[in-house]
């Protein structure tokens, strides 16, 4: 019944726009909120077909590999190119999207196999991570041309493997990997409005950036990732507030908020704080952090513009916990460049307050909207803060006991509140 209602709603939107009942922006928002019922089934078929294509491709490759030594060199080349052309040619002649995607993916598998097999035929002793680069570049090019979600996901995986082999196998800084994902994968995710490709691309970008920073300077991990976290939250707000692609805002919020809270929690520890400040002072003139800082700042200016509507946006529907990322970046920037000089426990005080602020805002949202997940998350953040300060803040056993009793009582209260709210909702519905 629900599927029929959604199908009817989406079919009526165009008529409502023409009659002036709603505008284009409202129609796009409704479409993003209620996806077509057939979409889940279509993508489910594509997913299973894609896995099937990968397994079939591996099976065929292993079958030829079993008889590879007995084949002539030109026969080997013929097999490679015929399989590649046949797979993509058949995909172009098929009208069903799921079948076409499967055949193209099979062709990409043959393309990767061809890279390795040609190298074996001619005894090419090349730097082997380059094979994953060429393979991933081919998949990425096809993903843009078609466009194709399975091809984009395969390209993402291959580029991550390329980065991993370069960074951890050869200990070589791979500057191109995060840039390729940033400008090759993520824009495609926005064009396709894919809620699958965007999280995959963001995870791949963060991993490749982390791999690069561990090679060129671990002191840059905290400032650069704080900048990326603030930028992601700002991008999410821009997408949501301007109705550009509101369905893509949640992945940006998730990665930005999770990353910022994790880093801020790490900075609440005095030992980690002092070590990071020492490393930062060694390369205070490094331009990487200022560049990332300018990008994050520019995105937040774009988020808050125009300033005349700022008060209304903050009052209606703005999540205050989203401010943790830019505030943490601001505090760290002031300390990084020596503008804000705090010593000892005072150096960690702003980060403790930010974790406390995030926990309170999550709990407040949970109680206000009856959102159990937000309330539990806020309670867990509060508990983590109390446990962390157990070792370096409280010297009195009585003070420690009081804090744990308070946090435990709050979590128990959360459970009782939501249990009572659920009972009241059931009684009201009856």
Protein backbone atom coordinates (compact mmCIF):
# COMPACT_ATOMS: atom_id res chain seq x y z
CA UNK A 1 0.00 0.00 0.00
CA UNK A 2 2.84 2.34 0.90
CA UNK A 3 4.55 1.76 -2.47
CA UNK A 4 1.34 2.65 -4.33
CA UNK A 5 0.99 5.87 -2.34
CA UNK A 6 4.58 6.91 -3.09
CA UNK A 7 4.16 6.09 -6.78
CA UNK A 8 0.96 8.17 -6.92
CA UNK A 9 2.63 11.08 -5.09
CA UNK A 10 5.60 11.19 -7.48
CA UNK A 11 3.35 10.97 -10.53
CA UNK A 12 1.32 13.97 -9.34
CA UNK A 13 4.26 16.30 -8.67
CA UNK A 14 4.63 17.58 -12.24
CA UNK A 15 0.93 18.43 -12.44
CA UNK A 16 1.08 20.25 -9.10
CA UNK A 17 4.01 22.35 -10.31
CA UNK A 18 2.18 23.29 -13.52
CA UNK A 19 -0.95 24.25 -11.57
CA UNK A 20 1.08 26.41 -9.19
CA UNK A 21 0.25 24.37 -6.08
CA UNK A 22 3.96 23.89 -5.34
CA UNK A 23 7.15 25.26 -6.91
CA UNK A 24 10.13 23.42 -8.44
CA UNK A 25 12.19 23.61 -5.24
CA UNK A 26 9.42 22.00 -3.20
CA UNK A 27 8.94 19.31 -5.85
CA UNK A 28 12.66 18.42 -5.74
CA UNK A 29 12.56 18.24 -1.96
CA UNK A 30 9.57 15.86 -2.08
CA UNK A 31 11.28 13.65 -4.69
CA UNK A 32 14.43 13.46 -2.55
CA UNK A 33 12.39 12.53 0.52
CA UNK A 34 10.25 9.86 -1.17
CA UNK A 35 12.28 7.84 -3.65
CA UNK A 36 10.58 5.82 -6.34
CA UNK A 37 9.55 2.35 -5.14
CA UNK A 38 11.18 0.66 -8.11
CA UNK A 39 14.54 2.24 -7.31
CA UNK A 40 15.44 -0.11 -4.46
CA UNK A 41 14.64 -3.17 -6.55
CA UNK A 42 16.59 -1.88 -9.52
CA UNK A 43 19.69 -1.15 -7.49
CA UNK A 44 19.31 -4.49 -5.72
CA UNK A 45 19.37 -6.28 -9.08
CA UNK A 46 22.36 -4.22 -10.20
CA UNK A 47 24.23 -5.01 -6.97
CA UNK A 48 23.68 -8.78 -7.26
CA UNK A 49 24.43 -8.71 -10.97
CA UNK A 50 27.64 -6.76 -10.33
CA UNK A 51 28.87 -9.28 -7.79
CA UNK A 52 27.96 -12.01 -10.24
CA UNK A 53 29.93 -10.30 -13.00
CA UNK A 54 32.99 -10.00 -10.77
CA UNK A 55 32.84 -13.69 -9.83
CA UNK A 56 32.28 -14.75 -13.46
CA UNK A 57 35.19 -12.60 -14.55
CA UNK A 58 37.44 -14.16 -11.92
CA UNK A 59 36.31 -17.64 -12.94
CA UNK A 60 37.07 -17.02 -16.62
CA UNK A 61 40.43 -15.50 -15.78
CA UNK A 62 41.40 -18.50 -13.66
CA UNK A 63 40.19 -20.87 -16.39
CA UNK A 64 42.49 -19.25 -18.95
CA UNK A 65 45.30 -19.03 -16.40
CA UNK A 66 45.09 -22.83 -15.97
CA UNK A 67 45.89 -23.35 -19.69
CA UNK A 68 47.94 -20.14 -20.14
CA UNK A 69 51.36 -21.78 -20.63
CA UNK A 70 50.05 -24.02 -23.45
CA UNK A 71 48.71 -21.08 -25.50
CA UNK A 72 50.65 -19.18 -28.17
CA UNK A 73 51.53 -15.53 -27.47
CA UNK A 74 49.18 -14.21 -30.17
CA UNK A 75 46.39 -16.50 -28.98
CA UNK A 76 46.80 -15.04 -25.50
CA UNK A 77 46.52 -11.50 -26.85
CA UNK A 78 43.51 -12.47 -28.93
CA UNK A 79 41.73 -13.93 -25.92
CA UNK A 80 42.37 -10.77 -23.88
CA UNK A 81 41.14 -8.30 -26.52
CA UNK A 82 38.22 -10.43 -27.77
CA UNK A 83 36.89 -10.87 -24.23
CA UNK A 84 37.23 -7.14 -23.53
CA UNK A 85 35.53 -6.04 -26.78
CA UNK A 86 32.81 -8.69 -26.53
CA UNK A 87 31.81 -7.72 -22.99
CA UNK A 88 31.58 -3.97 -23.69
CA UNK A 89 30.04 -4.52 -27.13
CA UNK A 90 27.32 -6.74 -25.70
CA UNK A 91 26.69 -4.13 -22.96
CA UNK A 92 26.12 -1.43 -25.59
CA UNK A 93 23.60 -3.61 -27.41
CA UNK A 94 21.51 -4.44 -24.35
CA UNK A 95 18.64 -2.13 -23.39
CA UNK A 96 18.08 -3.36 -19.83
CA UNK A 97 20.16 -1.11 -17.49
CA UNK A 98 20.97 -3.86 -14.97
CA UNK A 99 22.22 -6.25 -17.67
CA UNK A 100 24.18 -3.50 -19.40
CA UNK A 101 25.84 -2.48 -16.11
CA UNK A 102 26.75 -6.11 -15.45
CA UNK A 103 28.36 -6.61 -18.86
CA UNK A 104 30.30 -3.35 -18.62
CA UNK A 105 31.57 -4.42 -15.20
CA UNK A 106 32.59 -7.77 -16.66
CA UNK A 107 34.48 -5.86 -19.36
CA UNK A 108 36.29 -3.85 -16.69
CA UNK A 109 37.30 -7.09 -15.01
CA UNK A 110 38.71 -8.30 -18.33
CA UNK A 111 40.51 -4.96 -18.73
CA UNK A 112 42.25 -5.47 -15.38
CA UNK A 113 43.09 -9.06 -16.22
CA UNK A 114 44.46 -7.89 -19.58
CA UNK A 115 46.87 -5.50 -17.85
CA UNK A 116 48.42 -8.31 -15.81
CA UNK A 117 48.37 -10.87 -18.62
CA UNK A 118 49.97 -8.58 -21.20
CA UNK A 119 52.69 -7.75 -18.69
CA UNK A 120 53.24 -11.48 -18.22
CA UNK A 121 53.30 -12.21 -21.97
CA UNK A 122 55.99 -9.62 -22.69
CA UNK A 123 57.79 -10.04 -19.34
CA UNK A 124 57.26 -6.41 -18.41
CA UNK A 125 58.91 -5.83 -15.04
CA UNK A 126 57.01 -2.68 -14.05
CA UNK A 127 56.19 -1.08 -10.70
CA UNK A 128 53.13 -3.25 -9.95
CA UNK A 129 50.96 -0.61 -8.15
CA UNK A 130 50.79 1.20 -11.50
CA UNK A 131 48.59 -1.63 -12.78
CA UNK A 132 45.94 -0.73 -10.19
CA UNK A 133 46.27 2.92 -11.22
CA UNK A 134 45.66 2.13 -14.91
CA UNK A 135 42.85 -0.28 -14.04
CA UNK A 136 41.21 2.25 -11.72
CA UNK A 137 41.60 5.05 -14.27
CA UNK A 138 39.84 2.91 -16.90
CA UNK A 139 36.96 2.14 -14.54
CA UNK A 140 36.70 5.81 -13.54
CA UNK A 141 36.61 6.97 -17.16
CA UNK A 142 33.84 4.48 -17.92
CA UNK A 143 31.95 5.58 -14.80
CA UNK A 144 31.91 9.16 -16.10
CA UNK A 145 30.99 8.22 -19.67
CA UNK A 146 28.07 5.90 -18.88
CA UNK A 147 27.56 7.11 -15.99
CA UNK A 148 27.69 4.00 -13.78
CA UNK A 149 27.59 3.49 -10.02
CA UNK A 150 29.19 -0.02 -10.10
CA UNK A 151 32.04 1.29 -12.25
CA UNK A 152 32.56 4.22 -9.88
CA UNK A 153 32.61 1.93 -6.84
CA UNK A 154 35.11 -0.38 -8.54
CA UNK A 155 37.26 2.63 -9.48
CA UNK A 156 37.17 3.79 -5.86
CA UNK A 157 38.29 0.40 -4.60
CA UNK A 158 41.10 0.14 -7.17
CA UNK A 159 42.38 3.64 -6.38
CA UNK A 160 42.40 2.81 -2.67
CA UNK A 161 44.38 -0.37 -3.40
CA UNK A 162 46.80 1.63 -5.54
CA UNK A 163 47.29 4.09 -2.71
CA UNK A 164 47.70 1.31 -0.16
CA UNK A 165 50.40 -0.51 -2.12
CA UNK A 166 52.29 2.73 -2.76
CA UNK A 167 52.04 4.04 0.81
CA UNK A 168 52.43 0.89 2.88
CA UNK A 169 54.17 -1.45 0.44
CA UNK A 170 56.80 0.96 -0.89
CA UNK A 171 56.52 3.72 1.77
CA UNK A 172 56.16 6.26 -1.01
CA UNK A 173 54.01 9.41 -0.55
CA UNK A 174 51.11 9.19 -2.99
CA UNK A 175 50.01 12.78 -3.60
CA UNK A 176 47.84 11.87 -6.58
CA UNK A 177 45.51 9.39 -4.85
CA UNK A 178 43.52 11.81 -2.62
CA UNK A 179 43.42 14.37 -5.44
CA UNK A 180 42.10 11.77 -7.90
CA UNK A 181 39.34 10.75 -5.52
CA UNK A 182 38.56 14.36 -4.60
CA UNK A 183 38.19 15.53 -8.21
CA UNK A 184 37.27 12.23 -9.89
CA UNK A 185 34.98 10.31 -7.53
CA UNK A 186 33.26 12.91 -5.33
CA UNK A 187 32.01 15.20 -8.15
CA UNK A 188 30.56 12.13 -9.88
CA UNK A 189 28.75 11.21 -6.66
CA UNK A 190 27.15 14.68 -6.60
CA UNK A 191 26.23 14.52 -10.29
CA UNK A 192 24.63 11.09 -9.84
CA UNK A 193 23.21 12.12 -6.44
CA UNK A 194 24.32 8.74 -5.17
CA UNK A 195 23.90 8.09 -1.46
CA UNK A 196 26.10 5.01 -1.93
CA UNK A 197 29.02 6.48 -3.89
CA UNK A 198 29.35 9.62 -1.75
CA UNK A 199 30.07 7.79 1.57
CA UNK A 200 32.41 5.40 -0.27
CA UNK A 201 34.23 8.33 -1.89
CA UNK A 202 34.50 10.26 1.38
CA UNK A 203 35.87 7.21 3.22
CA UNK A 204 38.37 6.62 0.40
CA UNK A 205 39.45 10.27 0.42
CA UNK A 206 40.00 10.30 4.18
CA UNK A 207 41.96 7.04 4.04
CA UNK A 208 44.21 8.17 1.20
CA UNK A 209 44.78 11.56 2.84
CA UNK A 210 45.69 9.86 6.13
CA UNK A 211 48.08 7.51 4.28
CA UNK A 212 49.75 10.49 2.64
CA UNK A 213 50.11 12.43 5.89
CA UNK A 214 51.70 9.49 7.69
CA UNK A 215 54.42 9.62 5.03
CA UNK A 216 54.99 13.39 4.77
CA UNK A 217 54.35 14.46 8.38
CA UNK A 218 52.10 13.06 11.11
CA UNK A 219 51.97 16.50 12.73
CA UNK A 220 49.55 17.57 9.98
CA UNK A 221 46.94 14.88 10.70
CA UNK A 222 45.04 16.79 13.41
CA UNK A 223 44.90 20.28 11.78
CA UNK A 224 44.14 19.00 8.29
CA UNK A 225 41.49 16.54 9.41
CA UNK A 226 39.88 19.20 11.61
CA UNK A 227 39.73 21.40 8.50
CA UNK A 228 38.23 18.58 6.43
CA UNK A 229 35.65 17.86 9.15
CA UNK A 230 34.58 21.52 9.30
CA UNK A 231 34.44 21.68 5.50
CA UNK A 232 32.24 18.57 5.29
CA UNK A 233 29.74 19.95 7.82
CA UNK A 234 29.64 23.22 5.87
CA UNK A 235 29.05 21.37 2.58
CA UNK A 236 26.21 19.43 4.21
CA UNK A 237 24.57 22.66 5.37
CA UNK A 238 24.96 24.24 1.92
CA UNK A 239 23.35 21.23 0.25
CA UNK A 240 20.50 21.18 2.76
CA UNK A 241 19.77 24.90 3.09
CA UNK A 242 19.88 25.69 -0.63
CA UNK A 243 18.01 22.54 -1.72
CA UNK A 244 20.89 21.67 -4.05
CA UNK A 245 21.02 17.99 -3.09
CA UNK A 246 19.49 17.60 0.38
CA UNK A 247 19.63 13.80 0.15
CA UNK A 248 23.45 14.00 0.09
CA UNK A 249 23.72 16.16 3.22
CA UNK A 250 23.52 13.27 5.78
CA UNK A 251 26.78 11.56 4.64
CA UNK A 252 28.58 14.91 4.85
CA UNK A 253 27.19 15.52 8.34
CA UNK A 254 28.07 11.99 9.46
CA UNK A 255 31.71 12.07 8.35
CA UNK A 256 32.25 15.69 9.39
CA UNK A 257 30.64 15.42 12.83
CA UNK A 258 32.10 11.99 13.65
CA UNK A 259 35.59 13.03 12.61
CA UNK A 260 35.46 16.33 14.52
CA UNK A 261 34.14 14.75 17.74
CA UNK A 262 36.80 12.03 17.59
CA UNK A 263 39.61 14.57 17.10
CA UNK A 264 38.28 16.89 19.79
CA UNK A 265 38.02 13.98 22.21
CA UNK A 266 41.64 13.08 21.41
CA UNK A 267 42.69 16.66 22.16
CA UNK A 268 41.09 16.50 25.62
CA UNK A 269 44.02 14.36 26.75
CA UNK A 270 46.91 16.49 27.99
CA UNK A 271 49.63 14.12 26.76
CA UNK A 272 48.23 14.03 23.22
CA UNK A 273 47.72 17.80 23.27
CA UNK A 274 51.32 18.57 24.26
CA UNK A 275 52.77 16.11 21.75
CA UNK A 276 50.73 17.55 18.92
CA UNK A 277 51.67 21.12 19.81
CA UNK A 278 55.35 20.17 19.86
CA UNK A 279 55.15 18.55 16.44
CA UNK A 280 53.22 21.52 15.08
CA UNK A 281 55.84 24.01 16.23
CA UNK A 282 58.52 22.10 14.32
CA UNK A 283 56.88 22.96 10.98
CA UNK A 284 54.89 26.07 11.78
CA UNK A 285 55.55 27.51 8.29
CA UNK A 286 54.06 24.56 6.44
CA UNK A 287 51.51 25.84 3.92
CA UNK A 288 49.27 22.75 3.95
CA UNK A 289 47.29 23.73 7.03
CA UNK A 290 46.71 27.37 5.94
CA UNK A 291 45.40 26.17 2.56
CA UNK A 292 42.98 23.70 4.14
CA UNK A 293 42.00 26.34 6.71
CA UNK A 294 41.16 28.88 4.00
CA UNK A 295 39.01 26.33 2.14
CA UNK A 296 37.08 25.38 5.31
CA UNK A 297 36.63 29.04 6.27
CA UNK A 298 35.38 29.92 2.79
CA UNK A 299 32.80 27.13 2.90
CA UNK A 300 31.52 28.31 6.29
CA UNK A 301 31.24 31.89 5.02
CA UNK A 302 29.20 30.53 2.10
CA UNK A 303 27.09 28.56 4.57
CA UNK A 304 26.27 31.55 6.75
CA UNK A 305 25.70 33.95 3.83
CA UNK A 306 23.50 36.00 3.66
CA UNK A 307 23.99 37.13 7.23
CA UNK A 308 20.62 38.88 7.40
CA UNK A 309 18.91 35.47 7.50
CA UNK A 310 21.36 34.06 10.03
CA UNK A 311 19.19 34.51 13.13
CA UNK A 312 16.17 32.87 11.51
CA UNK A 313 18.20 29.87 10.34
CA UNK A 314 19.74 29.40 13.79
CA UNK A 315 16.36 29.54 15.50
CA UNK A 316 14.50 27.27 13.06
CA UNK A 317 15.91 23.84 12.40
CA UNK A 318 19.63 24.47 12.91
CA UNK A 319 21.47 21.71 14.77
CA UNK A 320 23.77 23.39 17.25
CA UNK A 321 26.05 20.36 17.53
CA UNK A 322 27.17 21.12 13.95
CA UNK A 323 29.10 24.07 15.39
CA UNK A 324 31.54 21.73 17.16
CA UNK A 325 33.63 21.24 14.00
CA UNK A 326 34.23 24.94 13.15
CA UNK A 327 34.68 25.92 16.80
CA UNK A 328 37.26 23.16 17.32
CA UNK A 329 39.07 24.30 14.19
CA UNK A 330 39.04 27.91 15.44
CA UNK A 331 40.47 26.99 18.85
CA UNK A 332 43.14 24.75 17.36
CA UNK A 333 44.12 27.43 14.83
CA UNK A 334 44.56 30.03 17.58
CA UNK A 335 46.73 27.63 19.57
CA UNK A 336 48.62 26.37 16.50
CA UNK A 337 49.81 29.85 15.56
CA UNK A 338 50.45 30.89 19.18
CA UNK A 339 47.63 33.45 19.39
CA UNK A 340 45.87 31.62 22.24
CA UNK A 341 48.46 30.51 24.79
CA UNK A 342 47.14 28.12 27.43
CA UNK A 343 49.27 25.89 29.62
CA UNK A 344 48.61 22.64 31.46
CA UNK A 345 45.04 21.54 31.91
CA UNK A 346 43.82 24.90 30.60
CA UNK A 347 45.13 23.91 27.15
CA UNK A 348 42.61 21.05 27.02
CA UNK A 349 39.74 22.99 28.63
CA UNK A 350 38.21 24.28 25.34
CA UNK A 351 38.07 20.75 23.92
CA UNK A 352 36.48 19.36 27.08
CA UNK A 353 33.84 22.08 26.85
CA UNK A 354 33.21 21.26 23.17
CA UNK A 355 32.66 17.56 23.96
CA UNK A 356 30.36 18.55 26.80
CA UNK A 357 28.49 20.94 24.48
CA UNK A 358 28.11 18.23 21.83
CA UNK A 359 26.80 15.73 24.38
CA UNK A 360 24.25 18.19 25.80
CA UNK A 361 23.03 19.22 22.33
CA UNK A 362 22.61 15.58 21.27
CA UNK A 363 20.65 14.76 24.45
CA UNK A 364 18.52 17.88 24.07
CA UNK A 365 17.69 16.91 20.47
CA UNK A 366 16.90 13.38 21.57
CA UNK A 367 14.45 14.52 24.25
CA UNK A 368 12.89 17.20 22.03
CA UNK A 369 12.32 14.99 18.99
CA UNK A 370 12.01 11.69 20.90
CA UNK A 371 15.09 10.55 19.00
CA UNK A 372 16.51 7.65 21.01
CA UNK A 373 19.69 7.41 18.93
CA UNK A 374 20.60 11.08 19.55
CA UNK A 375 19.90 10.75 23.27
CA UNK A 376 22.01 7.61 23.58
CA UNK A 377 24.83 9.20 21.56
CA UNK A 378 24.83 12.24 23.85
CA UNK A 379 24.88 10.00 26.91
CA UNK A 380 27.79 7.99 25.52
CA UNK A 381 29.76 11.16 24.78
CA UNK A 382 29.16 12.35 28.33
CA UNK A 383 30.25 8.98 29.70
CA UNK A 384 33.39 8.97 27.54
CA UNK A 385 34.29 12.44 28.80
CA UNK A 386 33.81 11.38 32.43
CA UNK A 387 35.90 8.23 31.93
CA UNK A 388 38.69 10.19 30.23
CA UNK A 389 38.85 12.71 33.06
CA UNK A 390 38.91 9.92 35.64
CA UNK A 391 42.64 9.51 35.14
CA UNK A 392 43.89 13.11 34.92
CA UNK A 393 41.41 15.43 36.62
CA UNK A 394 39.93 14.01 39.79
CA UNK A 395 42.26 13.20 42.70
CA UNK A 396 39.50 12.56 45.20
CA UNK A 397 37.71 9.20 45.17
CA UNK A 398 34.59 11.00 46.40
CA UNK A 399 34.67 13.37 43.40
CA UNK A 400 35.14 10.45 41.04
CA UNK A 401 32.27 8.57 42.60
CA UNK A 402 30.03 11.64 42.36
CA UNK A 403 30.76 12.08 38.64
CA UNK A 404 30.08 8.43 37.81
CA UNK A 405 26.89 8.42 39.87
CA UNK A 406 25.73 11.56 38.06
CA UNK A 407 26.46 10.16 34.58
CA UNK A 408 24.95 6.78 35.45
CA UNK A 409 21.84 8.48 36.81
CA UNK A 410 21.49 10.54 33.61
CA UNK A 411 21.71 7.45 31.40
CA UNK A 412 19.16 5.67 33.57
CA UNK A 413 16.92 8.71 33.28
CA UNK A 414 17.23 8.62 29.48
CA UNK A 415 16.04 5.02 29.44
CA UNK A 416 13.10 5.74 31.75
CA UNK A 417 12.07 8.83 29.76
CA UNK A 418 11.97 7.01 26.43
CA UNK A 419 10.22 3.97 27.90
CA UNK A 420 7.52 6.26 29.33
CA UNK A 421 7.24 8.22 26.07
CA UNK A 422 6.75 5.01 24.08
CA UNK A 423 4.00 3.87 26.44
CA UNK A 424 2.25 7.23 26.12
CA UNK A 425 2.48 7.07 22.31
CA UNK A 426 0.95 3.59 22.25
CA UNK A 427 -1.87 4.65 24.59
CA UNK A 428 -2.56 7.74 22.45
CA UNK A 429 -2.64 5.70 19.23
CA UNK A 430 -5.22 3.39 20.75
